[in-house]
Amino acid sequence: MNLIIQGTDIQNNDLRAIAKLAQASQIDRITGEAFRMINAQLHPDIPDYCEETNLDHAFVPAGKKLSDFGLISMDMDSTLLAIESIDEIADMHNVKPQVSAITQSTMRGEISFAESLIRRTALLEGLPQEALQKVYDERVRLSLGAEKMLQRMQSAGIKTMVISGGYTFFTDRVKDRLGLDYAFANTFEVQDGKLTGRVLGNIIGSSGKGEILKRIRDELGLRKDQVIAVGDGANDLKMLEESGVGIAFHAKPVLKEKATFSLNHVGLDGILNLFE
């Protein structure tokens, strides 16, 4: 096994201490924010040490390459994007505190995603449709390292997909902007240029994300171990379950517990450093 250590401020003494715990045979520098410890052994003190020093750690099988994968599937809000788009829409309608509270409860797994989306969307009733474009233009920000990660994935021939419990208004634009291969999300109902507060069709929640990922995986003829999935909340659990490598990105505890790897301190480009 190799042990990948990542962080925005890695001290040499911390690297040496972790390498000693892991009995690693050598330390290779990947970037200024990432190091690979060769022939590392599991040690119960490593997770706590890394948490105390704000470092991400991941034990990865030696020889695991980016080219081993054929698809990466990502959540959108607070994963591919550094915002919760529905919270920003709600801010335009002066209901952000109410919507944010429901969002956080959902991400912690306290209420079902479908119920959450119905309740949050209802609070947006009457909002002019043009407010959505204003949110996209003024507030949408990509997560740190997103473009670098995607460009590298695409150059390696890996298909890219976003599956969101948010809205197609945003996923469609993000797909075009980043050149993604697939995008799936929920759709607002609009009448007379205003949101009705209702969602059209079946709601894409946790189970829906898993079903979509499995369908696209099968269409591409890929095995489960050839898929990477990245998310941050409880509604991403099924998506991660349908992947060979599940990555919890700045995520809630409920997702970290089920993920293959967790990235808490670096950007999405940290995914690239996990593989040789």
C-alpha atoms as a PDB file:
ATOM      1  CA  MET A   1       0.000   0.000   0.000  1.00  0.00           C
ATOM      2  CA  ASN A   2       0.992   3.614  -0.552  1.00  0.00           C
ATOM      3  CA  LEU A   3      -0.019   6.366   1.844  1.00  0.00           C
ATOM      4  CA  ILE A   4      -0.947   9.678   0.209  1.00  0.00           C
ATOM      5  CA  ILE A   5      -0.622  12.727   2.460  1.00  0.00           C
ATOM      6  CA  GLN A   6      -2.139  16.031   1.299  1.00  0.00           C
ATOM      7  CA  GLY A   7      -2.571  19.474   2.829  1.00  0.00           C
ATOM      8  CA  THR A   8      -2.138  23.175   2.219  1.00  0.00           C
ATOM      9  CA  ASP A   9       0.691  23.464   4.763  1.00  0.00           C
ATOM     10  CA  ILE A  10       2.693  20.247   5.118  1.00  0.00           C
ATOM     11  CA  GLN A  11       5.602  20.389   7.550  1.00  0.00           C
ATOM     12  CA  ASN A  12       8.631  18.140   7.071  1.00  0.00           C
ATOM     13  CA  ASN A  13       8.543  17.020  10.692  1.00  0.00           C
ATOM     14  CA  ASP A  14       4.943  15.874  10.252  1.00  0.00           C
ATOM     15  CA  LEU A  15       5.842  13.928   7.117  1.00  0.00           C
ATOM     16  CA  ARG A  16       8.680  12.206   8.952  1.00  0.00           C
ATOM     17  CA  ALA A  17       6.463  11.390  11.942  1.00  0.00           C
ATOM     18  CA  ILE A  18       3.740   9.878   9.737  1.00  0.00           C
ATOM     19  CA  ALA A  19       6.286   7.938   7.671  1.00  0.00           C
ATOM     20  CA  LYS A  20       7.713   6.478  10.881  1.00  0.00           C
ATOM     21  CA  LEU A  21       4.254   5.403  12.054  1.00  0.00           C
ATOM     22  CA  ALA A  22       3.553   3.860   8.635  1.00  0.00           C
ATOM     23  CA  GLN A  23       7.019   2.251   8.412  1.00  0.00           C
ATOM     24  CA  ALA A  24       7.219   3.641   4.880  1.00  0.00           C
ATOM     25  CA  SER A  25      10.308   2.788   2.834  1.00  0.00           C
ATOM     26  CA  GLN A  26      10.490   6.213   1.155  1.00  0.00           C
ATOM     27  CA  ILE A  27       8.652   9.501   0.637  1.00  0.00           C
ATOM     28  CA  ASP A  28       8.035  10.808  -2.897  1.00  0.00           C
ATOM     29  CA  ARG A  29       6.851  14.325  -3.590  1.00  0.00           C
ATOM     30  CA  ILE A  30       3.844  14.499  -5.920  1.00  0.00           C
ATOM     31  CA  THR A  31       3.213  18.263  -5.663  1.00  0.00           C
ATOM     32  CA  GLY A  32       3.902  20.931  -3.063  1.00  0.00           C
ATOM     33  CA  GLU A  33       0.678  19.841  -1.352  1.00  0.00           C
ATOM     34  CA  ALA A  34       0.907  16.074  -1.802  1.00  0.00           C
ATOM     35  CA  PHE A  35       3.370  13.296  -0.920  1.00  0.00           C
ATOM     36  CA  ARG A  36       3.349   9.534  -1.511  1.00  0.00           C
ATOM     37  CA  MET A  37       4.760   7.214   1.165  1.00  0.00           C
ATOM     38  CA  ILE A  38       5.841   3.934  -0.385  1.00  0.00           C
ATOM     39  CA  ASN A  39       5.178   0.514   1.198  1.00  0.00           C
ATOM     40  CA  ALA A  40       3.168   2.068   4.040  1.00  0.00           C
ATOM     41  CA  GLN A  41       1.546   0.034   6.785  1.00  0.00           C
ATOM     42  CA  LEU A  42      -1.704   0.814   8.575  1.00  0.00           C
ATOM     43  CA  HIS A  43      -1.277   2.306  12.041  1.00  0.00           C
ATOM     44  CA  PRO A  44      -4.108   3.312  14.409  1.00  0.00           C
ATOM     45  CA  ASP A  45      -2.468   6.646  15.264  1.00  0.00           C
ATOM     46  CA  ILE A  46      -2.230   7.936  11.690  1.00  0.00           C
ATOM     47  CA  PRO A  47      -5.857   9.180  11.322  1.00  0.00           C
ATOM     48  CA  ASP A  48      -5.710  11.156  14.576  1.00  0.00           C
ATOM     49  CA  TYR A  49      -2.279  12.588  13.779  1.00  0.00           C
ATOM     50  CA  CYS A  50      -3.470  13.769  10.354  1.00  0.00           C
ATOM     51  CA  GLU A  51      -6.645  15.260  11.793  1.00  0.00           C
ATOM     52  CA  GLU A  52      -4.677  17.226  14.383  1.00  0.00           C
ATOM     53  CA  THR A  53      -2.307  18.591  11.727  1.00  0.00           C
ATOM     54  CA  ASN A  54      -5.022  19.369   9.120  1.00  0.00           C
ATOM     55  CA  LEU A  55      -3.767  16.778   6.655  1.00  0.00           C
ATOM     56  CA  ASP A  56      -5.670  14.382   4.418  1.00  0.00           C
ATOM     57  CA  HIS A  57      -4.481  10.791   4.300  1.00  0.00           C
ATOM     58  CA  ALA A  58      -5.392   7.881   2.037  1.00  0.00           C
ATOM     59  CA  PHE A  59      -4.070   4.342   1.838  1.00  0.00           C
ATOM     60  CA  VAL A  60      -4.118   3.429  -1.857  1.00  0.00           C
ATOM     61  CA  PRO A  61      -3.090   0.136  -3.468  1.00  0.00           C
ATOM     62  CA  ALA A  62       0.289   0.489  -5.164  1.00  0.00           C
ATOM     63  CA  GLY A  63       0.042   0.769  -8.935  1.00  0.00           C
ATOM     64  CA  LYS A  64      -3.500   2.148  -8.972  1.00  0.00           C
ATOM     65  CA  LYS A  65      -3.593   4.517 -11.950  1.00  0.00           C
ATOM     66  CA  LEU A  66      -5.985   7.162 -13.198  1.00  0.00           C
ATOM     67  CA  SER A  67      -6.172   5.225 -16.472  1.00  0.00           C
ATOM     68  CA  ASP A  68      -7.814   2.352 -14.563  1.00  0.00           C
ATOM     69  CA  PHE A  69     -11.042   4.399 -14.495  1.00  0.00           C
ATOM     70  CA  GLY A  70     -13.606   5.209 -17.169  1.00  0.00           C
ATOM     71  CA  LEU A  71     -16.149   7.440 -15.409  1.00  0.00           C
ATOM     72  CA  ILE A  72     -16.239  10.027 -12.638  1.00  0.00           C
ATOM     73  CA  SER A  73     -19.614  11.045 -11.223  1.00  0.00           C
ATOM     74  CA  MET A  74     -19.948  14.163  -9.089  1.00  0.00           C
ATOM     75  CA  ASP A  75     -22.523  15.872  -6.951  1.00  0.00           C
ATOM     76  CA  MET A  76     -22.914  19.543  -7.882  1.00  0.00           C
ATOM     77  CA  ASP A  77     -23.680  21.721  -4.849  1.00  0.00           C
ATOM     78  CA  SER A  78     -20.842  21.954  -2.300  1.00  0.00           C
ATOM     79  CA  THR A  79     -18.874  19.455  -4.384  1.00  0.00           C
ATOM     80  CA  LEU A  80     -18.281  20.537  -7.975  1.00  0.00           C
ATOM     81  CA  LEU A  81     -19.564  23.977  -6.993  1.00  0.00           C
ATOM     82  CA  ALA A  82     -18.451  25.837  -3.876  1.00  0.00           C
ATOM     83  CA  ILE A  83     -22.034  26.959  -3.195  1.00  0.00           C
ATOM     84  CA  GLU A  84     -25.464  25.477  -2.500  1.00  0.00           C
ATOM     85  CA  SER A  85     -27.340  26.839  -5.496  1.00  0.00           C
ATOM     86  CA  ILE A  86     -30.771  26.504  -3.905  1.00  0.00           C
ATOM     87  CA  ASP A  87     -29.584  28.521  -0.899  1.00  0.00           C
ATOM     88  CA  GLU A  88     -28.408  31.294  -3.214  1.00  0.00           C
ATOM     89  CA  ILE A  89     -31.730  31.265  -5.079  1.00  0.00           C
ATOM     90  CA  ALA A  90     -33.490  31.468  -1.729  1.00  0.00           C
ATOM     91  CA  ASP A  91     -31.396  34.494  -0.822  1.00  0.00           C
ATOM     92  CA  MET A  92     -32.861  36.267  -3.860  1.00  0.00           C
ATOM     93  CA  HIS A  93     -36.324  35.488  -2.464  1.00  0.00           C
ATOM     94  CA  ASN A  94     -35.466  36.439   1.138  1.00  0.00           C
ATOM     95  CA  VAL A  95     -35.988  32.904   2.453  1.00  0.00           C
ATOM     96  CA  LYS A  96     -32.361  31.771   2.706  1.00  0.00           C
ATOM     97  CA  PRO A  97     -32.341  30.969   6.463  1.00  0.00           C
ATOM     98  CA  GLN A  98     -35.379  28.710   6.127  1.00  0.00           C
ATOM     99  CA  VAL A  99     -34.002  26.927   3.055  1.00  0.00           C
ATOM    100  CA  SER A 100     -30.474  26.594   4.481  1.00  0.00           C
ATOM    101  CA  ALA A 101     -31.809  24.976   7.636  1.00  0.00           C
ATOM    102  CA  ILE A 102     -33.625  22.331   5.568  1.00  0.00           C
ATOM    103  CA  THR A 103     -30.529  21.803   3.384  1.00  0.00           C
ATOM    104  CA  GLN A 104     -28.274  21.154   6.369  1.00  0.00           C
ATOM    105  CA  SER A 105     -30.792  18.796   7.961  1.00  0.00           C
ATOM    106  CA  THR A 106     -30.936  16.839   4.708  1.00  0.00           C
ATOM    107  CA  MET A 107     -27.155  16.596   4.299  1.00  0.00           C
ATOM    108  CA  ARG A 108     -26.928  15.201   7.827  1.00  0.00           C
ATOM    109  CA  GLY A 109     -29.449  12.537   6.869  1.00  0.00           C
ATOM    110  CA  GLU A 110     -32.176  13.756   9.253  1.00  0.00           C
ATOM    111  CA  ILE A 111     -34.955  14.051   6.645  1.00  0.00           C
ATOM    112  CA  SER A 112     -35.437  12.386   3.276  1.00  0.00           C
ATOM    113  CA  PHE A 113     -34.116  14.220   0.252  1.00  0.00           C
ATOM    114  CA  ALA A 114     -37.452  14.138  -1.586  1.00  0.00           C
ATOM    115  CA  GLU A 115     -39.251  15.738   1.346  1.00  0.00           C
ATOM    116  CA  SER A 116     -36.481  18.283   1.673  1.00  0.00           C
ATOM    117  CA  LEU A 117     -36.561  19.299  -1.990  1.00  0.00           C
ATOM    118  CA  ILE A 118     -40.347  19.630  -2.005  1.00  0.00           C
ATOM    119  CA  ARG A 119     -40.252  21.844   1.092  1.00  0.00           C
ATOM    120  CA  ARG A 120     -37.382  24.002  -0.146  1.00  0.00           C
ATOM    121  CA  THR A 121     -38.801  24.427  -3.641  1.00  0.00           C
ATOM    122  CA  ALA A 122     -42.190  25.429  -2.206  1.00  0.00           C
ATOM    123  CA  LEU A 123     -40.483  28.340  -0.438  1.00  0.00           C
ATOM    124  CA  LEU A 124     -39.387  29.673  -3.842  1.00  0.00           C
ATOM    125  CA  GLU A 125     -42.899  30.130  -5.193  1.00  0.00           C
ATOM    126  CA  GLY A 126     -43.317  33.398  -7.066  1.00  0.00           C
ATOM    127  CA  LEU A 127     -39.620  34.016  -7.744  1.00  0.00           C
ATOM    128  CA  PRO A 128     -39.092  35.448 -11.263  1.00  0.00           C
ATOM    129  CA  GLN A 129     -37.260  33.021 -13.538  1.00  0.00           C
ATOM    130  CA  GLU A 130     -34.642  35.625 -14.449  1.00  0.00           C
ATOM    131  CA  ALA A 131     -33.414  35.494 -10.845  1.00  0.00           C
ATOM    132  CA  LEU A 132     -31.945  32.071 -11.636  1.00  0.00           C
ATOM    133  CA  GLN A 133     -29.677  33.557 -14.290  1.00  0.00           C
ATOM    134  CA  LYS A 134     -28.641  36.269 -11.852  1.00  0.00           C
ATOM    135  CA  VAL A 135     -27.631  33.598  -9.330  1.00  0.00           C
ATOM    136  CA  TYR A 136     -25.652  31.740 -11.990  1.00  0.00           C
ATOM    137  CA  ASP A 137     -23.894  34.878 -13.244  1.00  0.00           C
ATOM    138  CA  GLU A 138     -23.114  36.411  -9.865  1.00  0.00           C
ATOM    139  CA  ARG A 139     -22.790  33.588  -7.356  1.00  0.00           C
ATOM    140  CA  VAL A 140     -21.799  30.303  -8.973  1.00  0.00           C
ATOM    141  CA  ARG A 141     -18.201  29.440  -8.087  1.00  0.00           C
ATOM    142  CA  LEU A 142     -16.356  26.237  -8.881  1.00  0.00           C
ATOM    143  CA  SER A 143     -14.739  24.388  -6.015  1.00  0.00           C
ATOM    144  CA  LEU A 144     -10.977  24.748  -5.685  1.00  0.00           C
ATOM    145  CA  GLY A 145      -9.174  22.488  -8.141  1.00  0.00           C
ATOM    146  CA  ALA A 146     -12.329  21.542 -10.089  1.00  0.00           C
ATOM    147  CA  GLU A 147     -11.145  22.651 -13.526  1.00  0.00           C
ATOM    148  CA  LYS A 148      -7.687  21.119 -13.134  1.00  0.00           C
ATOM    149  CA  MET A 149      -9.188  17.824 -12.012  1.00  0.00           C
ATOM    150  CA  LEU A 150     -11.715  17.687 -14.844  1.00  0.00           C
ATOM    151  CA  GLN A 151      -9.203  18.627 -17.526  1.00  0.00           C
ATOM    152  CA  ARG A 152      -6.909  15.820 -16.393  1.00  0.00           C
ATOM    153  CA  MET A 153      -9.780  13.331 -16.256  1.00  0.00           C
ATOM    154  CA  GLN A 154     -10.945  14.311 -19.731  1.00  0.00           C
ATOM    155  CA  SER A 155      -7.425  14.122 -21.186  1.00  0.00           C
ATOM    156  CA  ALA A 156      -7.192  10.578 -19.761  1.00  0.00           C
ATOM    157  CA  GLY A 157     -10.361   9.640 -21.650  1.00  0.00           C
ATOM    158  CA  ILE A 158     -12.515   9.416 -18.522  1.00  0.00           C
ATOM    159  CA  LYS A 159     -16.184  10.315 -18.967  1.00  0.00           C
ATOM    160  CA  THR A 160     -17.425  13.072 -16.650  1.00  0.00           C
ATOM    161  CA  MET A 161     -20.883  13.355 -15.132  1.00  0.00           C
ATOM    162  CA  VAL A 162     -22.733  15.519 -12.632  1.00  0.00           C
ATOM    163  CA  ILE A 163     -25.795  14.125 -10.833  1.00  0.00           C
ATOM    164  CA  SER A 164     -27.492  16.720  -8.680  1.00  0.00           C
ATOM    165  CA  GLY A 165     -30.431  16.911  -6.343  1.00  0.00           C
ATOM    166  CA  GLY A 166     -30.516  20.552  -7.441  1.00  0.00           C
ATOM    167  CA  TYR A 167     -31.904  21.943 -10.661  1.00  0.00           C
ATOM    168  CA  THR A 168     -31.281  21.444 -14.363  1.00  0.00           C
ATOM    169  CA  PHE A 169     -31.071  25.205 -14.833  1.00  0.00           C
ATOM    170  CA  PHE A 170     -27.639  25.032 -13.196  1.00  0.00           C
ATOM    171  CA  THR A 171     -26.429  21.563 -14.216  1.00  0.00           C
ATOM    172  CA  ASP A 172     -27.087  22.308 -17.904  1.00  0.00           C
ATOM    173  CA  ARG A 173     -24.972  25.448 -17.731  1.00  0.00           C
ATOM    174  CA  VAL A 174     -22.219  23.801 -15.709  1.00  0.00           C
ATOM    175  CA  LYS A 175     -22.166  20.897 -18.206  1.00  0.00           C
ATOM    176  CA  ASP A 176     -21.687  23.290 -21.127  1.00  0.00           C
ATOM    177  CA  ARG A 177     -19.100  25.393 -19.292  1.00  0.00           C
ATOM    178  CA  LEU A 178     -16.930  22.440 -18.251  1.00  0.00           C
ATOM    179  CA  GLY A 179     -17.542  20.133 -21.214  1.00  0.00           C
ATOM    180  CA  LEU A 180     -19.080  17.369 -19.096  1.00  0.00           C
ATOM    181  CA  ASP A 181     -20.426  14.280 -20.831  1.00  0.00           C
ATOM    182  CA  TYR A 182     -23.581  13.906 -18.723  1.00  0.00           C
ATOM    183  CA  ALA A 183     -25.720  16.034 -16.400  1.00  0.00           C
ATOM    184  CA  PHE A 184     -28.823  15.051 -14.438  1.00  0.00           C
ATOM    185  CA  ALA A 185     -30.924  17.073 -11.986  1.00  0.00           C
ATOM    186  CA  ASN A 186     -34.444  18.134 -11.044  1.00  0.00           C
ATOM    187  CA  THR A 187     -36.591  20.617 -12.978  1.00  0.00           C
ATOM    188  CA  PHE A 188     -38.455  23.672 -11.703  1.00  0.00           C
ATOM    189  CA  GLU A 189     -42.030  24.196 -12.838  1.00  0.00           C
ATOM    190  CA  VAL A 190     -42.393  27.690 -14.318  1.00  0.00           C
ATOM    191  CA  GLN A 191     -45.615  29.485 -15.194  1.00  0.00           C
ATOM    192  CA  ASP A 192     -45.910  33.050 -16.490  1.00  0.00           C
ATOM    193  CA  GLY A 193     -42.194  33.584 -15.969  1.00  0.00           C
ATOM    194  CA  LYS A 194     -42.266  32.659 -12.266  1.00  0.00           C
ATOM    195  CA  LEU A 195     -41.442  29.572 -10.233  1.00  0.00           C
ATOM    196  CA  THR A 196     -44.562  27.778  -9.035  1.00  0.00           C
ATOM    197  CA  GLY A 197     -42.813  26.191  -6.069  1.00  0.00           C
ATOM    198  CA  ARG A 198     -43.173  22.706  -7.565  1.00  0.00           C
ATOM    199  CA  VAL A 199     -40.753  20.188  -9.067  1.00  0.00           C
ATOM    200  CA  LEU A 200     -41.596  18.463 -12.353  1.00  0.00           C
ATOM    201  CA  GLY A 201     -41.361  14.688 -12.707  1.00  0.00           C
ATOM    202  CA  ASN A 202     -39.641  12.204 -10.440  1.00  0.00           C
ATOM    203  CA  ILE A 203     -37.300  13.711  -7.883  1.00  0.00           C
ATOM    204  CA  ILE A 204     -33.636  12.755  -8.137  1.00  0.00           C
ATOM    205  CA  GLY A 205     -32.553  12.035  -4.597  1.00  0.00           C
ATOM    206  CA  SER A 206     -30.176   9.509  -3.058  1.00  0.00           C
ATOM    207  CA  SER A 207     -31.655   6.408  -4.698  1.00  0.00           C
ATOM    208  CA  GLY A 208     -32.082   8.235  -7.991  1.00  0.00           C
ATOM    209  CA  LYS A 209     -28.416   9.198  -8.031  1.00  0.00           C
ATOM    210  CA  GLY A 210     -27.427   5.582  -7.538  1.00  0.00           C
ATOM    211  CA  GLU A 211     -29.779   4.374 -10.267  1.00  0.00           C
ATOM    212  CA  ILE A 212     -28.520   6.953 -12.773  1.00  0.00           C
ATOM    213  CA  LEU A 213     -24.886   6.116 -12.062  1.00  0.00           C
ATOM    214  CA  LYS A 214     -25.530   2.395 -12.493  1.00  0.00           C
ATOM    215  CA  ARG A 215     -27.395   2.992 -15.757  1.00  0.00           C
ATOM    216  CA  ILE A 216     -24.636   5.136 -17.283  1.00  0.00           C
ATOM    217  CA  ARG A 217     -21.965   2.755 -15.974  1.00  0.00           C
ATOM    218  CA  ASP A 218     -23.713  -0.146 -17.699  1.00  0.00           C
ATOM    219  CA  GLU A 219     -24.233   1.837 -20.921  1.00  0.00           C
ATOM    220  CA  LEU A 220     -20.497   2.520 -21.034  1.00  0.00           C
ATOM    221  CA  GLY A 221     -19.712  -1.131 -20.362  1.00  0.00           C
ATOM    222  CA  LEU A 222     -17.731  -0.319 -17.241  1.00  0.00           C
ATOM    223  CA  ARG A 223     -17.227  -2.387 -14.125  1.00  0.00           C
ATOM    224  CA  LYS A 224     -17.990  -0.910 -10.724  1.00  0.00           C
ATOM    225  CA  ASP A 225     -14.272  -0.695  -9.914  1.00  0.00           C
ATOM    226  CA  GLN A 226     -13.761   1.571 -12.956  1.00  0.00           C
ATOM    227  CA  VAL A 227     -15.962   4.331 -11.503  1.00  0.00           C
ATOM    228  CA  ILE A 228     -15.145   7.211  -9.139  1.00  0.00           C
ATOM    229  CA  ALA A 229     -17.964   9.059  -7.350  1.00  0.00           C
ATOM    230  CA  VAL A 230     -17.575  12.289  -5.390  1.00  0.00           C
ATOM    231  CA  GLY A 231     -20.059  13.899  -3.009  1.00  0.00           C
ATOM    232  CA  ASP A 232     -20.520  15.699   0.289  1.00  0.00           C
ATOM    233  CA  GLY A 233     -23.840  14.714   1.867  1.00  0.00           C
ATOM    234  CA  ALA A 234     -26.213  11.914   2.811  1.00  0.00           C
ATOM    235  CA  ASN A 235     -28.006  12.033  -0.532  1.00  0.00           C
ATOM    236  CA  ASP A 236     -24.750  10.977  -2.242  1.00  0.00           C
ATOM    237  CA  LEU A 237     -24.557   7.650  -0.378  1.00  0.00           C
ATOM    238  CA  LYS A 238     -26.192   5.533  -3.089  1.00  0.00           C
ATOM    239  CA  MET A 239     -24.037   7.118  -5.769  1.00  0.00           C
ATOM    240  CA  LEU A 240     -20.888   6.229  -3.848  1.00  0.00           C
ATOM    241  CA  GLU A 241     -22.188   2.702  -3.285  1.00  0.00           C
ATOM    242  CA  GLU A 242     -22.419   2.203  -7.055  1.00  0.00           C
ATOM    243  CA  SER A 243     -18.769   3.205  -7.542  1.00  0.00           C
ATOM    244  CA  GLY A 244     -15.479   1.438  -6.957  1.00  0.00           C
ATOM    245  CA  VAL A 245     -13.927   4.512  -5.357  1.00  0.00           C
ATOM    246  CA  GLY A 246     -16.167   6.813  -3.328  1.00  0.00           C
ATOM    247  CA  ILE A 247     -14.703  10.154  -2.294  1.00  0.00           C
ATOM    248  CA  ALA A 248     -16.184  12.303   0.475  1.00  0.00           C
ATOM    249  CA  PHE A 249     -15.269  15.895  -0.377  1.00  0.00           C
ATOM    250  CA  HIS A 250     -15.411  18.321   2.585  1.00  0.00           C
ATOM    251  CA  ALA A 251     -18.279  16.100   3.578  1.00  0.00           C
ATOM    252  CA  LYS A 252     -20.699  15.411   6.398  1.00  0.00           C
ATOM    253  CA  PRO A 253     -19.751  12.573   8.813  1.00  0.00           C
ATOM    254  CA  VAL A 254     -22.500  10.301   7.465  1.00  0.00           C
ATOM    255  CA  LEU A 255     -20.756  10.212   4.070  1.00  0.00           C
ATOM    256  CA  LYS A 256     -17.186  10.045   5.380  1.00  0.00           C
ATOM    257  CA  GLU A 257     -18.079   6.845   7.218  1.00  0.00           C
ATOM    258  CA  LYS A 258     -18.989   5.120   3.931  1.00  0.00           C
ATOM    259  CA  ALA A 259     -16.410   6.652   1.580  1.00  0.00           C
ATOM    260  CA  THR A 260     -13.220   5.008   0.323  1.00  0.00           C
ATOM    261  CA  PHE A 261     -11.307   8.262   0.817  1.00  0.00           C
ATOM    262  CA  SER A 262     -12.028  11.652   2.378  1.00  0.00           C
ATOM    263  CA  LEU A 263     -10.633  14.994   1.237  1.00  0.00           C
ATOM    264  CA  ASN A 264     -11.163  17.594   3.948  1.00  0.00           C
ATOM    265  CA  HIS A 265      -8.338  20.077   3.441  1.00  0.00           C
ATOM    266  CA  VAL A 266      -7.437  20.185  -0.271  1.00  0.00           C
ATOM    267  CA  GLY A 267      -9.336  20.883  -3.485  1.00  0.00           C
ATOM    268  CA  LEU A 268     -10.862  18.516  -6.011  1.00  0.00           C
ATOM    269  CA  ASP A 269      -7.508  18.223  -7.776  1.00  0.00           C
ATOM    270  CA  GLY A 270      -6.466  16.233  -4.705  1.00  0.00           C
ATOM    271  CA  ILE A 271      -8.273  13.286  -6.352  1.00  0.00           C
ATOM    272  CA  LEU A 272      -5.556  13.210  -9.016  1.00  0.00           C
ATOM    273  CA  ASN A 273      -2.815  12.735  -6.417  1.00  0.00           C
ATOM    274  CA  LEU A 274      -4.381   9.517  -5.137  1.00  0.00           C
ATOM    275  CA  PHE A 275      -3.439   7.640  -8.292  1.00  0.00           C
ATOM    276  CA  GLU A 276      -0.102   7.092  -9.987  1.00  0.00           C
END
